[in-house]
Amino acid sequence: MTVRWAGGHARRARNGKHWRSSNFNRNVLKRAYLAVGWRDADGNGSWTWHSLQHVFFTTALFTWKLDVTDVSRMAGHASYRITLDMYVGGTAGVLDRARQATE
């Protein structure tokens, strides 16, 4: 669950409370990035939380074929139209055609 406020995003911690995104990045993501080799000890690397969200939601829509309203809720979008515009808009049919070509 993501809670939004003027200062940024918060993610639910294990104890049920919310972390600010900076704490989440420092306490969770930094260690995870290092563990899987997506970033080095100085924090350099190409993967970010935001890019991983895009990979996850694109996979959910086009590989797992989840309903766009469910993906929209998971993404925290105010409307499924935002999800459609972001993940389908300019790529309508492109990913399906690519998948068919590789099957």
PDB file of N, CA and C in Angstrom:
ATOM      1  N   MET A   1       0.839  -1.177   0.000  1.00  0.00           N
ATOM      2  CA  MET A   1       0.000   0.000   0.000  1.00  0.00           C
ATOM      3  C   MET A   1       0.886   1.242   0.000  1.00  0.00           C
ATOM      4  N   THR A   2       0.551   2.195  -0.822  1.00  0.00           N
ATOM      5  CA  THR A   2       1.296   3.440  -0.879  1.00  0.00           C
ATOM      6  C   THR A   2       0.395   4.569  -0.413  1.00  0.00           C
ATOM      7  N   VAL A   3       0.905   5.376   0.481  1.00  0.00           N
ATOM      8  CA  VAL A   3       0.187   6.553   0.952  1.00  0.00           C
ATOM      9  C   VAL A   3       0.921   7.754   0.398  1.00  0.00           C
ATOM     10  N   ARG A   4       0.196   8.711  -0.134  1.00  0.00           N
ATOM     11  CA  ARG A   4       0.835   9.879  -0.730  1.00  0.00           C
ATOM     12  C   ARG A   4       0.568  11.109   0.131  1.00  0.00           C
ATOM     13  N   TRP A   5       1.588  11.932   0.262  1.00  0.00           N
ATOM     14  CA  TRP A   5       1.433  13.229   0.905  1.00  0.00           C
ATOM     15  C   TRP A   5       2.400  14.194   0.257  1.00  0.00           C
ATOM     16  N   ALA A   6       2.325  15.444   0.604  1.00  0.00           N
ATOM     17  CA  ALA A   6       3.101  16.473  -0.081  1.00  0.00           C
ATOM     18  C   ALA A   6       4.596  16.192  -0.077  1.00  0.00           C
ATOM     19  N   GLY A   7       5.112  15.558   0.958  1.00  0.00           N
ATOM     20  CA  GLY A   7       6.544  15.319   1.067  1.00  0.00           C
ATOM     21  C   GLY A   7       7.048  14.108   0.316  1.00  0.00           C
ATOM     22  N   GLY A   8       6.176  13.302  -0.249  1.00  0.00           N
ATOM     23  CA  GLY A   8       6.622  12.114  -0.969  1.00  0.00           C
ATOM     24  C   GLY A   8       5.690  10.946  -0.734  1.00  0.00           C
ATOM     25  N   HIS A   9       6.215   9.758  -0.911  1.00  0.00           N
ATOM     26  CA  HIS A   9       5.428   8.534  -0.744  1.00  0.00           C
ATOM     27  C   HIS A   9       5.830   7.839   0.546  1.00  0.00           C
ATOM     28  N   ALA A  10       4.931   7.038   1.057  1.00  0.00           N
ATOM     29  CA  ALA A  10       5.249   6.200   2.207  1.00  0.00           C
ATOM     30  C   ALA A  10       4.854   4.772   1.868  1.00  0.00           C
ATOM     31  N   ARG A  11       5.612   3.811   2.324  1.00  0.00           N
ATOM     32  CA  ARG A  11       5.295   2.412   2.107  1.00  0.00           C
ATOM     33  C   ARG A  11       5.113   1.758   3.469  1.00  0.00           C
ATOM     34  N   ARG A  12       4.248   0.770   3.502  1.00  0.00           N
ATOM     35  CA  ARG A  12       3.942   0.110   4.768  1.00  0.00           C
ATOM     36  C   ARG A  12       5.132  -0.735   5.208  1.00  0.00           C
ATOM     37  N   ALA A  13       5.553  -0.537   6.445  1.00  0.00           N
ATOM     38  CA  ALA A  13       6.650  -1.305   7.035  1.00  0.00           C
ATOM     39  C   ALA A  13       6.095  -2.595   7.634  1.00  0.00           C
ATOM     40  N   ARG A  14       6.972  -3.486   8.050  1.00  0.00           N
ATOM     41  CA  ARG A  14       6.543  -4.766   8.633  1.00  0.00           C
ATOM     42  C   ARG A  14       5.679  -4.584   9.872  1.00  0.00           C
ATOM     43  N   ASN A  15       5.932  -3.518  10.626  1.00  0.00           N
ATOM     44  CA  ASN A  15       5.173  -3.312  11.858  1.00  0.00           C
ATOM     45  C   ASN A  15       3.811  -2.670  11.607  1.00  0.00           C
ATOM     46  N   GLY A  16       3.457  -2.458  10.327  1.00  0.00           N
ATOM     47  CA  GLY A  16       2.158  -1.897   9.991  1.00  0.00           C
ATOM     48  C   GLY A  16       2.153  -0.389   9.864  1.00  0.00           C
ATOM     49  N   LYS A  17       3.229   0.259  10.311  1.00  0.00           N
ATOM     50  CA  LYS A  17       3.320   1.702  10.166  1.00  0.00           C
ATOM     51  C   LYS A  17       3.864   2.021   8.774  1.00  0.00           C
ATOM     52  N   HIS A  18       3.976   3.310   8.457  1.00  0.00           N
ATOM     53  CA  HIS A  18       4.457   3.698   7.136  1.00  0.00           C
ATOM     54  C   HIS A  18       5.848   4.308   7.200  1.00  0.00           C
ATOM     55  N   TRP A  19       6.653   4.013   6.170  1.00  0.00           N
ATOM     56  CA  TRP A  19       7.979   4.600   6.036  1.00  0.00           C
ATOM     57  C   TRP A  19       7.923   5.670   4.963  1.00  0.00           C
ATOM     58  N   ARG A  20       8.659   6.733   5.150  1.00  0.00           N
ATOM     59  CA  ARG A  20       8.866   7.687   4.064  1.00  0.00           C
ATOM     60  C   ARG A  20       9.711   6.982   3.006  1.00  0.00           C
ATOM     61  N   SER A  21       9.568   7.431   1.759  1.00  0.00           N
ATOM     62  CA  SER A  21      10.287   6.755   0.676  1.00  0.00           C
ATOM     63  C   SER A  21      11.801   6.778   0.889  1.00  0.00           C
ATOM     64  N   SER A  22      12.331   7.859   1.493  1.00  0.00           N
ATOM     65  CA  SER A  22      13.785   7.912   1.714  1.00  0.00           C
ATOM     66  C   SER A  22      14.226   6.815   2.685  1.00  0.00           C
ATOM     67  N   ASN A  23      13.444   6.560   3.724  1.00  0.00           N
ATOM     68  CA  ASN A  23      13.765   5.482   4.664  1.00  0.00           C
ATOM     69  C   ASN A  23      13.620   4.117   3.999  1.00  0.00           C
ATOM     70  N   PHE A  24      12.574   3.955   3.192  1.00  0.00           N
ATOM     71  CA  PHE A  24      12.360   2.703   2.473  1.00  0.00           C
ATOM     72  C   PHE A  24      13.534   2.433   1.537  1.00  0.00           C
ATOM     73  N   ASN A  25      13.964   3.469   0.813  1.00  0.00           N
ATOM     74  CA  ASN A  25      15.108   3.309  -0.100  1.00  0.00           C
ATOM     75  C   ASN A  25      16.364   2.916   0.656  1.00  0.00           C
ATOM     76  N   ARG A  26      16.618   3.585   1.768  1.00  0.00           N
ATOM     77  CA  ARG A  26      17.838   3.331   2.537  1.00  0.00           C
ATOM     78  C   ARG A  26      17.781   1.980   3.244  1.00  0.00           C
ATOM     79  N   ASN A  27      16.660   1.624   3.842  1.00  0.00           N
ATOM     80  CA  ASN A  27      16.573   0.426   4.671  1.00  0.00           C
ATOM     81  C   ASN A  27      16.200  -0.853   3.927  1.00  0.00           C
ATOM     82  N   VAL A  28      15.580  -0.724   2.769  1.00  0.00           N
ATOM     83  CA  VAL A  28      15.133  -1.916   2.046  1.00  0.00           C
ATOM     84  C   VAL A  28      15.771  -2.004   0.664  1.00  0.00           C
ATOM     85  N   LEU A  29      15.544  -0.998  -0.157  1.00  0.00           N
ATOM     86  CA  LEU A  29      15.989  -1.083  -1.546  1.00  0.00           C
ATOM     87  C   LEU A  29      17.498  -1.140  -1.703  1.00  0.00           C
ATOM     88  N   LYS A  30      18.225  -0.330  -0.959  1.00  0.00           N
ATOM     89  CA  LYS A  30      19.678  -0.309  -1.105  1.00  0.00           C
ATOM     90  C   LYS A  30      20.265  -1.707  -0.889  1.00  0.00           C
ATOM     91  N   ARG A  31      19.825  -2.390   0.177  1.00  0.00           N
ATOM     92  CA  ARG A  31      20.324  -3.744   0.452  1.00  0.00           C
ATOM     93  C   ARG A  31      19.886  -4.733  -0.626  1.00  0.00           C
ATOM     94  N   ALA A  32      18.641  -4.579  -1.104  1.00  0.00           N
ATOM     95  CA  ALA A  32      18.148  -5.489  -2.138  1.00  0.00           C
ATOM     96  C   ALA A  32      18.910  -5.296  -3.446  1.00  0.00           C
ATOM     97  N   TYR A  33      19.137  -4.040  -3.841  1.00  0.00           N
ATOM     98  CA  TYR A  33      19.899  -3.755  -5.058  1.00  0.00           C
ATOM     99  C   TYR A  33      21.301  -4.366  -4.984  1.00  0.00           C
ATOM    100  N   LEU A  34      21.955  -4.219  -3.840  1.00  0.00           N
ATOM    101  CA  LEU A  34      23.293  -4.790  -3.666  1.00  0.00           C
ATOM    102  C   LEU A  34      23.256  -6.311  -3.737  1.00  0.00           C
ATOM    103  N   ALA A  35      22.261  -6.912  -3.093  1.00  0.00           N
ATOM    104  CA  ALA A  35      22.168  -8.369  -3.024  1.00  0.00           C
ATOM    105  C   ALA A  35      22.010  -9.002  -4.405  1.00  0.00           C
ATOM    106  N   VAL A  36      21.275  -8.356  -5.289  1.00  0.00           N
ATOM    107  CA  VAL A  36      21.051  -8.946  -6.611  1.00  0.00           C
ATOM    108  C   VAL A  36      21.958  -8.356  -7.685  1.00  0.00           C
ATOM    109  N   GLY A  37      22.830  -7.421  -7.288  1.00  0.00           N
ATOM    110  CA  GLY A  37      23.807  -6.875  -8.215  1.00  0.00           C
ATOM    111  C   GLY A  37      23.295  -5.789  -9.150  1.00  0.00           C
ATOM    112  N   TRP A  38      22.180  -5.155  -8.815  1.00  0.00           N
ATOM    113  CA  TRP A  38      21.637  -4.104  -9.679  1.00  0.00           C
ATOM    114  C   TRP A  38      22.315  -2.759  -9.450  1.00  0.00           C
ATOM    115  N   ARG A  39      23.004  -2.634  -8.321  1.00  0.00           N
ATOM    116  CA  ARG A  39      23.767  -1.419  -8.033  1.00  0.00           C
ATOM    117  C   ARG A  39      25.044  -1.815  -7.320  1.00  0.00           C
ATOM    118  N   ASP A  40      26.041  -0.942  -7.403  1.00  0.00           N
ATOM    119  CA  ASP A  40      27.283  -1.209  -6.685  1.00  0.00           C
ATOM    120  C   ASP A  40      27.229  -0.555  -5.298  1.00  0.00           C
ATOM    121  N   ALA A  41      28.309  -0.696  -4.534  1.00  0.00           N
ATOM    122  CA  ALA A  41      28.344  -0.180  -3.157  1.00  0.00           C
ATOM    123  C   ALA A  41      28.171   1.330  -3.092  1.00  0.00           C
ATOM    124  N   ASP A  42      28.500   2.042  -4.180  1.00  0.00           N
ATOM    125  CA  ASP A  42      28.332   3.496  -4.211  1.00  0.00           C
ATOM    126  C   ASP A  42      26.933   3.917  -4.645  1.00  0.00           C
ATOM    127  N   GLY A  43      26.081   2.944  -4.957  1.00  0.00           N
ATOM    128  CA  GLY A  43      24.714   3.264  -5.368  1.00  0.00           C
ATOM    129  C   GLY A  43      24.547   3.482  -6.853  1.00  0.00           C
ATOM    130  N   ASN A  44      25.588   3.204  -7.632  1.00  0.00           N
ATOM    131  CA  ASN A  44      25.501   3.389  -9.080  1.00  0.00           C
ATOM    132  C   ASN A  44      24.869   2.174  -9.738  1.00  0.00           C
ATOM    133  N   GLY A  45      23.942   2.423 -10.636  1.00  0.00           N
ATOM    134  CA  GLY A  45      23.280   1.353 -11.367  1.00  0.00           C
ATOM    135  C   GLY A  45      22.092   1.906 -12.124  1.00  0.00           C
ATOM    136  N   SER A  46      21.557   1.102 -13.007  1.00  0.00           N
ATOM    137  CA  SER A  46      20.484   1.604 -13.862  1.00  0.00           C
ATOM    138  C   SER A  46      19.079   1.342 -13.336  1.00  0.00           C
ATOM    139  N   TRP A  47      18.904   0.382 -12.421  1.00  0.00           N
ATOM    140  CA  TRP A  47      17.571   0.068 -11.919  1.00  0.00           C
ATOM    141  C   TRP A  47      17.193   0.985 -10.761  1.00  0.00           C
ATOM    142  N   THR A  48      15.966   1.468 -10.798  1.00  0.00           N
ATOM    143  CA  THR A  48      15.410   2.275  -9.709  1.00  0.00           C
ATOM    144  C   THR A  48      14.096   1.644  -9.285  1.00  0.00           C
ATOM    145  N   TRP A  49      13.579   2.077  -8.154  1.00  0.00           N
ATOM    146  CA  TRP A  49      12.263   1.602  -7.704  1.00  0.00           C
ATOM    147  C   TRP A  49      11.231   1.894  -8.783  1.00  0.00           C
ATOM    148  N   HIS A  50      11.300   3.071  -9.371  1.00  0.00           N
ATOM    149  CA  HIS A  50      10.339   3.479 -10.388  1.00  0.00           C
ATOM    150  C   HIS A  50      10.429   2.571 -11.622  1.00  0.00           C
ATOM    151  N   SER A  51      11.640   2.273 -12.080  1.00  0.00           N
ATOM    152  CA  SER A  51      11.777   1.416 -13.255  1.00  0.00           C
ATOM    153  C   SER A  51      11.310  -0.009 -12.948  1.00  0.00           C
ATOM    154  N   LEU A  52      11.544  -0.481 -11.738  1.00  0.00           N
ATOM    155  CA  LEU A  52      11.071  -1.814 -11.359  1.00  0.00           C
ATOM    156  C   LEU A  52       9.548  -1.867 -11.307  1.00  0.00           C
ATOM    157  N   GLN A  53       8.921  -0.777 -10.878  1.00  0.00           N
ATOM    158  CA  GLN A  53       7.453  -0.721 -10.892  1.00  0.00           C
ATOM    159  C   GLN A  53       6.939  -0.845 -12.322  1.00  0.00           C
ATOM    160  N   HIS A  54       7.584  -0.152 -13.245  1.00  0.00           N
ATOM    161  CA  HIS A  54       7.154  -0.234 -14.642  1.00  0.00           C
ATOM    162  C   HIS A  54       7.306  -1.641 -15.190  1.00  0.00           C
ATOM    163  N   VAL A  55       8.405  -2.299 -14.873  1.00  0.00           N
ATOM    164  CA  VAL A  55       8.600  -3.681 -15.311  1.00  0.00           C
ATOM    165  C   VAL A  55       7.503  -4.568 -14.737  1.00  0.00           C
ATOM    166  N   PHE A  56       7.222  -4.421 -13.451  1.00  0.00           N
ATOM    167  CA  PHE A  56       6.208  -5.255 -12.803  1.00  0.00           C
ATOM    168  C   PHE A  56       4.831  -5.047 -13.421  1.00  0.00           C
ATOM    169  N   PHE A  57       4.408  -3.785 -13.565  1.00  0.00           N
ATOM    170  CA  PHE A  57       3.062  -3.521 -14.062  1.00  0.00           C
ATOM    171  C   PHE A  57       2.916  -3.863 -15.540  1.00  0.00           C
ATOM    172  N   THR A  58       3.983  -3.685 -16.326  1.00  0.00           N
ATOM    173  CA  THR A  58       3.940  -4.098 -17.732  1.00  0.00           C
ATOM    174  C   THR A  58       3.816  -5.609 -17.824  1.00  0.00           C
ATOM    175  N   THR A  59       4.574  -6.325 -16.988  1.00  0.00           N
ATOM    176  CA  THR A  59       4.480  -7.784 -16.945  1.00  0.00           C
ATOM    177  C   THR A  59       3.087  -8.225 -16.522  1.00  0.00           C
ATOM    178  N   ALA A  60       2.539  -7.561 -15.522  1.00  0.00           N
ATOM    179  CA  ALA A  60       1.195  -7.906 -15.039  1.00  0.00           C
ATOM    180  C   ALA A  60       0.151  -7.759 -16.142  1.00  0.00           C
ATOM    181  N   LEU A  61       0.278  -6.710 -16.933  1.00  0.00           N
ATOM    182  CA  LEU A  61      -0.702  -6.471 -17.996  1.00  0.00           C
ATOM    183  C   LEU A  61      -0.512  -7.388 -19.202  1.00  0.00           C
ATOM    184  N   PHE A  62       0.723  -7.506 -19.687  1.00  0.00           N
ATOM    185  CA  PHE A  62       0.935  -8.153 -20.972  1.00  0.00           C
ATOM    186  C   PHE A  62       1.380  -9.608 -20.901  1.00  0.00           C
ATOM    187  N   THR A  63       2.005 -10.024 -19.819  1.00  0.00           N
ATOM    188  CA  THR A  63       2.425 -11.415 -19.701  1.00  0.00           C
ATOM    189  C   THR A  63       1.420 -12.215 -18.889  1.00  0.00           C
ATOM    190  N   TRP A  64       1.053 -11.669 -17.726  1.00  0.00           N
ATOM    191  CA  TRP A  64       0.103 -12.372 -16.872  1.00  0.00           C
ATOM    192  C   TRP A  64      -1.336 -12.079 -17.262  1.00  0.00           C
ATOM    193  N   LYS A  65      -1.525 -11.058 -18.115  1.00  0.00           N
ATOM    194  CA  LYS A  65      -2.849 -10.663 -18.610  1.00  0.00           C
ATOM    195  C   LYS A  65      -3.843 -10.340 -17.487  1.00  0.00           C
ATOM    196  N   LEU A  66      -3.351  -9.654 -16.450  1.00  0.00           N
ATOM    197  CA  LEU A  66      -4.237  -9.212 -15.378  1.00  0.00           C
ATOM    198  C   LEU A  66      -5.145  -8.105 -15.886  1.00  0.00           C
ATOM    199  N   ASP A  67      -6.299  -7.977 -15.273  1.00  0.00           N
ATOM    200  CA  ASP A  67      -7.255  -6.940 -15.637  1.00  0.00           C
ATOM    201  C   ASP A  67      -6.663  -5.561 -15.336  1.00  0.00           C
ATOM    202  N   VAL A  68      -6.869  -4.629 -16.247  1.00  0.00           N
ATOM    203  CA  VAL A  68      -6.284  -3.293 -16.097  1.00  0.00           C
ATOM    204  C   VAL A  68      -6.771  -2.587 -14.832  1.00  0.00           C
ATOM    205  N   THR A  69      -8.007  -2.860 -14.403  1.00  0.00           N
ATOM    206  CA  THR A  69      -8.484  -2.209 -13.171  1.00  0.00           C
ATOM    207  C   THR A  69      -7.747  -2.730 -11.950  1.00  0.00           C
ATOM    208  N   ASP A  70      -7.388  -4.011 -11.952  1.00  0.00           N
ATOM    209  CA  ASP A  70      -6.609  -4.565 -10.837  1.00  0.00           C
ATOM    210  C   ASP A  70      -5.199  -3.988 -10.819  1.00  0.00           C
ATOM    211  N   VAL A  71      -4.577  -3.897 -11.987  1.00  0.00           N
ATOM    212  CA  VAL A  71      -3.230  -3.339 -12.085  1.00  0.00           C
ATOM    213  C   VAL A  71      -3.255  -1.869 -11.678  1.00  0.00           C
ATOM    214  N   SER A  72      -4.295  -1.161 -12.092  1.00  0.00           N
ATOM    215  CA  SER A  72      -4.441   0.250 -11.729  1.00  0.00           C
ATOM    216  C   SER A  72      -4.503   0.427 -10.213  1.00  0.00           C
ATOM    217  N   ARG A  73      -5.250  -0.441  -9.550  1.00  0.00           N
ATOM    218  CA  ARG A  73      -5.337  -0.371  -8.081  1.00  0.00           C
ATOM    219  C   ARG A  73      -3.985  -0.656  -7.441  1.00  0.00           C
ATOM    220  N   MET A  74      -3.289  -1.681  -7.951  1.00  0.00           N
ATOM    221  CA  MET A  74      -1.971  -2.005  -7.401  1.00  0.00           C
ATOM    222  C   MET A  74      -0.991  -0.853  -7.591  1.00  0.00           C
ATOM    223  N   ALA A  75      -1.110  -0.157  -8.718  1.00  0.00           N
ATOM    224  CA  ALA A  75      -0.209   0.953  -9.014  1.00  0.00           C
ATOM    225  C   ALA A  75      -0.564   2.212  -8.231  1.00  0.00           C
ATOM    226  N   GLY A  76      -1.749   2.237  -7.647  1.00  0.00           N
ATOM    227  CA  GLY A  76      -2.176   3.417  -6.894  1.00  0.00           C
ATOM    228  C   GLY A  76      -2.677   4.542  -7.781  1.00  0.00           C
ATOM    229  N   HIS A  77      -3.045   4.195  -9.013  1.00  0.00           N
ATOM    230  CA  HIS A  77      -3.555   5.215  -9.920  1.00  0.00           C
ATOM    231  C   HIS A  77      -4.991   5.582  -9.555  1.00  0.00           C
ATOM    232  N   ALA A  78      -5.348   6.841  -9.749  1.00  0.00           N
ATOM    233  CA  ALA A  78      -6.694   7.322  -9.418  1.00  0.00           C
ATOM    234  C   ALA A  78      -7.741   6.749 -10.359  1.00  0.00           C
ATOM    235  N   SER A  79      -7.322   6.347 -11.544  1.00  0.00           N
ATOM    236  CA  SER A  79      -8.246   5.826 -12.542  1.00  0.00           C
ATOM    237  C   SER A  79      -7.521   4.807 -13.412  1.00  0.00           C
ATOM    238  N   TYR A  80      -8.265   3.826 -13.905  1.00  0.00           N
ATOM    239  CA  TYR A  80      -7.663   2.847 -14.807  1.00  0.00           C
ATOM    240  C   TYR A  80      -7.209   3.505 -16.102  1.00  0.00           C
ATOM    241  N   ARG A  81      -7.771   4.664 -16.449  1.00  0.00           N
ATOM    242  CA  ARG A  81      -7.369   5.392 -17.660  1.00  0.00           C
ATOM    243  C   ARG A  81      -5.899   5.830 -17.570  1.00  0.00           C
ATOM    244  N   ILE A  82      -5.466   6.186 -16.378  1.00  0.00           N
ATOM    245  CA  ILE A  82      -4.059   6.559 -16.193  1.00  0.00           C
ATOM    246  C   ILE A  82      -3.169   5.361 -16.524  1.00  0.00           C
ATOM    247  N   THR A  83      -3.558   4.195 -16.039  1.00  0.00           N
ATOM    248  CA  THR A  83      -2.800   2.973 -16.303  1.00  0.00           C
ATOM    249  C   THR A  83      -2.779   2.667 -17.799  1.00  0.00           C
ATOM    250  N   LEU A  84      -3.933   2.786 -18.442  1.00  0.00           N
ATOM    251  CA  LEU A  84      -3.998   2.536 -19.883  1.00  0.00           C
ATOM    252  C   LEU A  84      -3.110   3.504 -20.652  1.00  0.00           C
ATOM    253  N   ASP A  85      -3.186   4.778 -20.293  1.00  0.00           N
ATOM    254  CA  ASP A  85      -2.363   5.778 -20.980  1.00  0.00           C
ATOM    255  C   ASP A  85      -0.876   5.510 -20.781  1.00  0.00           C
ATOM    256  N   MET A  86      -0.503   5.115 -19.571  1.00  0.00           N
ATOM    257  CA  MET A  86       0.900   4.929 -19.249  1.00  0.00           C
ATOM    258  C   MET A  86       1.490   3.655 -19.855  1.00  0.00           C
ATOM    259  N   TYR A  87       0.746   2.552 -19.780  1.00  0.00           N
ATOM    260  CA  TYR A  87       1.311   1.261 -20.158  1.00  0.00           C
ATOM    261  C   TYR A  87       0.819   0.720 -21.493  1.00  0.00           C
ATOM    262  N   VAL A  88      -0.276   1.252 -22.007  1.00  0.00           N
ATOM    263  CA  VAL A  88      -0.829   0.735 -23.252  1.00  0.00           C
ATOM    264  C   VAL A  88      -0.834   1.793 -24.346  1.00  0.00           C
ATOM    265  N   GLY A  89      -1.142   3.026 -23.995  1.00  0.00           N
ATOM    266  CA  GLY A  89      -1.297   4.127 -24.936  1.00  0.00           C
ATOM    267  C   GLY A  89      -0.480   4.045 -26.204  1.00  0.00           C
ATOM    268  N   GLY A  90       0.814   4.271 -26.132  1.00  0.00           N
ATOM    269  CA  GLY A  90       1.657   4.285 -27.319  1.00  0.00           C
ATOM    270  C   GLY A  90       2.121   2.925 -27.771  1.00  0.00           C
ATOM    271  N   THR A  91       1.836   1.887 -26.987  1.00  0.00           N
ATOM    272  CA  THR A  91       2.345   0.561 -27.331  1.00  0.00           C
ATOM    273  C   THR A  91       1.237  -0.429 -27.648  1.00  0.00           C
ATOM    274  N   ALA A  92       0.031   0.071 -27.876  1.00  0.00           N
ATOM    275  CA  ALA A  92      -1.091  -0.833 -28.114  1.00  0.00           C
ATOM    276  C   ALA A  92      -0.740  -1.845 -29.199  1.00  0.00           C
ATOM    277  N   GLY A  93      -0.739  -3.107 -28.859  1.00  0.00           N
ATOM    278  CA  GLY A  93      -0.476  -4.175 -29.799  1.00  0.00           C
ATOM    279  C   GLY A  93       0.991  -4.520 -29.995  1.00  0.00           C
ATOM    280  N   VAL A  94       1.889  -3.618 -29.653  1.00  0.00           N
ATOM    281  CA  VAL A  94       3.318  -3.852 -29.896  1.00  0.00           C
ATOM    282  C   VAL A  94       3.822  -5.037 -29.083  1.00  0.00           C
ATOM    283  N   LEU A  95       3.530  -5.064 -27.796  1.00  0.00           N
ATOM    284  CA  LEU A  95       4.036  -6.154 -26.958  1.00  0.00           C
ATOM    285  C   LEU A  95       3.389  -7.480 -27.319  1.00  0.00           C
ATOM    286  N   ASP A  96       2.098  -7.475 -27.656  1.00  0.00           N
ATOM    287  CA  ASP A  96       1.448  -8.713 -28.073  1.00  0.00           C
ATOM    288  C   ASP A  96       2.059  -9.253 -29.362  1.00  0.00           C
ATOM    289  N   ARG A  97       2.332  -8.367 -30.321  1.00  0.00           N
ATOM    290  CA  ARG A  97       2.959  -8.789 -31.567  1.00  0.00           C
ATOM    291  C   ARG A  97       4.365  -9.328 -31.327  1.00  0.00           C
ATOM    292  N   ALA A  98       5.106  -8.698 -30.430  1.00  0.00           N
ATOM    293  CA  ALA A  98       6.459  -9.173 -30.107  1.00  0.00           C
ATOM    294  C   ALA A  98       6.405 -10.541 -29.456  1.00  0.00           C
ATOM    295  N   ARG A  99       5.449 -10.747 -28.547  1.00  0.00           N
ATOM    296  CA  ARG A  99       5.324 -12.042 -27.887  1.00  0.00           C
ATOM    297  C   ARG A  99       4.963 -13.113 -28.903  1.00  0.00           C
ATOM    298  N   GLN A 100       4.024 -12.814 -29.812  1.00  0.00           N
ATOM    299  CA  GLN A 100       3.624 -13.792 -30.838  1.00  0.00           C
ATOM    300  C   GLN A 100       4.799 -14.142 -31.738  1.00  0.00           C
ATOM    301  N   ALA A 101       5.624 -13.177 -32.053  1.00  0.00           N
ATOM    302  CA  ALA A 101       6.763 -13.414 -32.935  1.00  0.00           C
ATOM    303  C   ALA A 101       7.813 -14.325 -32.292  1.00  0.00           C
ATOM    304  N   THR A 102       7.848 -14.362 -30.963  1.00  0.00           N
ATOM    305  CA  THR A 102       8.859 -15.173 -30.283  1.00  0.00           C
ATOM    306  C   THR A 102       8.328 -16.501 -29.790  1.00  0.00           C
ATOM    307  N   GLU A 103       7.055 -16.760 -29.985  1.00  0.00           N
ATOM    308  CA  GLU A 103       6.475 -18.044 -29.513  1.00  0.00           C
ATOM    309  C   GLU A 103       6.730 -19.159 -30.484  1.00  0.00           C
TER     310      GLU A 103
END
